[in-house]
């Protein structure tokens, strides 16, 4: 194990977990900003649902999980949940935009 990841006590472990959690939440928020921007360019329900794009993202993150030492099943589950949420959010925005036409 890399010495950078070697904590000396439980308090330090928790401090590092809190640091990582903050980074993860910030990255989820940033991803959401870009997803909302992408929604503005989509003109159909099929584009919002993005089946091919979802498949591409899932393959990429599962590969990245293997490369970076993350659990592929956990990574896939997290991404599936996140993508489901973002697609639902985009769909609501799309329906609202279509109703306003």
Protein backbone atom coordinates (compact mmCIF):
# COMPACT_ATOMS: atom_id res chain seq x y z
CA UNK A 1 0.00 0.00 0.00
CA UNK A 2 1.25 3.47 -0.88
CA UNK A 3 2.44 5.37 2.20
CA UNK A 4 0.28 8.35 1.19
CA UNK A 5 -2.77 6.23 2.07
CA UNK A 6 -1.34 4.91 5.33
CA UNK A 7 -3.09 6.53 8.30
CA UNK A 8 -1.74 6.38 11.83
CA UNK A 9 -5.03 6.18 13.73
CA UNK A 10 -8.81 6.08 13.38
CA UNK A 11 -9.15 9.86 13.65
CA UNK A 12 -6.83 10.29 10.67
CA UNK A 13 -8.74 7.64 8.69
CA UNK A 14 -12.00 9.48 9.37
CA UNK A 15 -10.43 12.81 8.45
CA UNK A 16 -9.30 11.38 5.11
CA UNK A 17 -12.73 9.81 4.46
CA UNK A 18 -14.34 13.20 5.16
CA UNK A 19 -11.90 14.84 2.73
CA UNK A 20 -12.71 12.29 0.03
CA UNK A 21 -16.46 12.66 0.67
CA UNK A 22 -16.21 16.42 0.18
CA UNK A 23 -14.38 15.90 -3.11
CA UNK A 24 -16.89 13.30 -4.31
CA UNK A 25 -19.88 15.52 -3.50
CA UNK A 26 -18.22 18.48 -5.25
CA UNK A 27 -17.62 16.33 -8.32
CA UNK A 28 -21.22 15.07 -8.33
CA UNK A 29 -22.39 18.69 -8.17
CA UNK A 30 -20.08 19.62 -11.04
CA UNK A 31 -21.29 16.66 -13.10
CA UNK A 32 -24.87 17.81 -12.50
CA UNK A 33 -24.04 21.24 -13.90
CA UNK A 34 -22.82 19.67 -17.14
CA UNK A 35 -25.76 17.27 -17.33
CA UNK A 36 -28.16 20.22 -17.07
CA UNK A 37 -26.24 21.99 -19.84
CA UNK A 38 -26.42 18.87 -22.02
CA UNK A 39 -30.18 18.73 -21.49
CA UNK A 40 -30.54 22.09 -23.21
CA UNK A 41 -29.11 20.60 -26.42
CA UNK A 42 -31.43 17.59 -26.50
CA UNK A 43 -34.56 17.72 -28.64
CA UNK A 44 -36.26 14.38 -28.00
CA UNK A 45 -37.13 11.97 -25.23
CA UNK A 46 -34.75 9.44 -26.80
CA UNK A 47 -31.86 11.91 -26.62
CA UNK A 48 -32.64 12.57 -22.95
CA UNK A 49 -32.75 8.85 -22.15
CA UNK A 50 -29.45 8.46 -24.02
CA UNK A 51 -29.25 4.67 -24.21
CA UNK A 52 -26.06 4.55 -26.29
CA UNK A 53 -24.40 7.26 -24.22
CA UNK A 54 -25.35 5.54 -20.97
CA UNK A 55 -23.80 2.31 -22.28
CA UNK A 56 -20.61 4.20 -23.24
CA UNK A 57 -20.37 5.83 -19.81
CA UNK A 58 -20.95 2.54 -18.01
CA UNK A 59 -18.27 0.73 -20.03
CA UNK A 60 -15.83 3.59 -19.46
CA UNK A 61 -16.34 3.81 -15.69
CA UNK A 62 -16.19 0.04 -15.25
CA UNK A 63 -12.87 0.06 -17.13
CA UNK A 64 -11.65 3.00 -15.04
CA UNK A 65 -12.66 1.21 -11.86
CA UNK A 66 -10.44 -1.70 -12.83
CA UNK A 67 -7.56 0.60 -13.74
CA UNK A 68 -7.82 2.65 -10.55
CA UNK A 69 -8.45 -0.21 -8.14
CA UNK A 70 -12.08 0.55 -7.35
CA UNK A 71 -14.64 -2.22 -7.02
CA UNK A 72 -16.25 -2.49 -10.50
CA UNK A 73 -19.63 -3.67 -9.14
CA UNK A 74 -19.82 -0.83 -6.61
CA UNK A 75 -18.72 1.70 -9.23
CA UNK A 76 -21.34 0.44 -11.68
CA UNK A 77 -24.07 0.58 -9.02
CA UNK A 78 -23.16 4.13 -8.03
CA UNK A 79 -23.12 5.27 -11.64
CA UNK A 80 -26.40 3.52 -12.50
CA UNK A 81 -28.06 5.30 -9.58
CA UNK A 82 -26.51 8.65 -10.48
CA UNK A 83 -27.43 8.32 -14.16
CA UNK A 84 -31.01 7.30 -13.32
CA UNK A 85 -31.35 10.43 -11.18
CA UNK A 86 -29.83 12.72 -13.80
CA UNK A 87 -31.97 11.25 -16.61
CA UNK A 88 -35.10 11.75 -14.49
CA UNK A 89 -34.02 15.33 -13.79
CA UNK A 90 -33.35 15.96 -17.48
CA UNK A 91 -36.67 14.39 -18.42
CA UNK A 92 -38.55 16.70 -16.06
CA UNK A 93 -36.76 19.70 -17.56
CA UNK A 94 -37.44 18.42 -21.07
CA UNK A 95 -41.15 17.96 -20.33
CA UNK A 96 -41.29 21.45 -18.84
CA UNK A 97 -39.57 22.89 -21.87
CA UNK A 98 -41.87 21.01 -24.26
CA UNK A 99 -44.95 22.21 -22.33
CA UNK A 100 -43.72 25.77 -22.67
CA UNK A 101 -43.50 25.57 -26.48
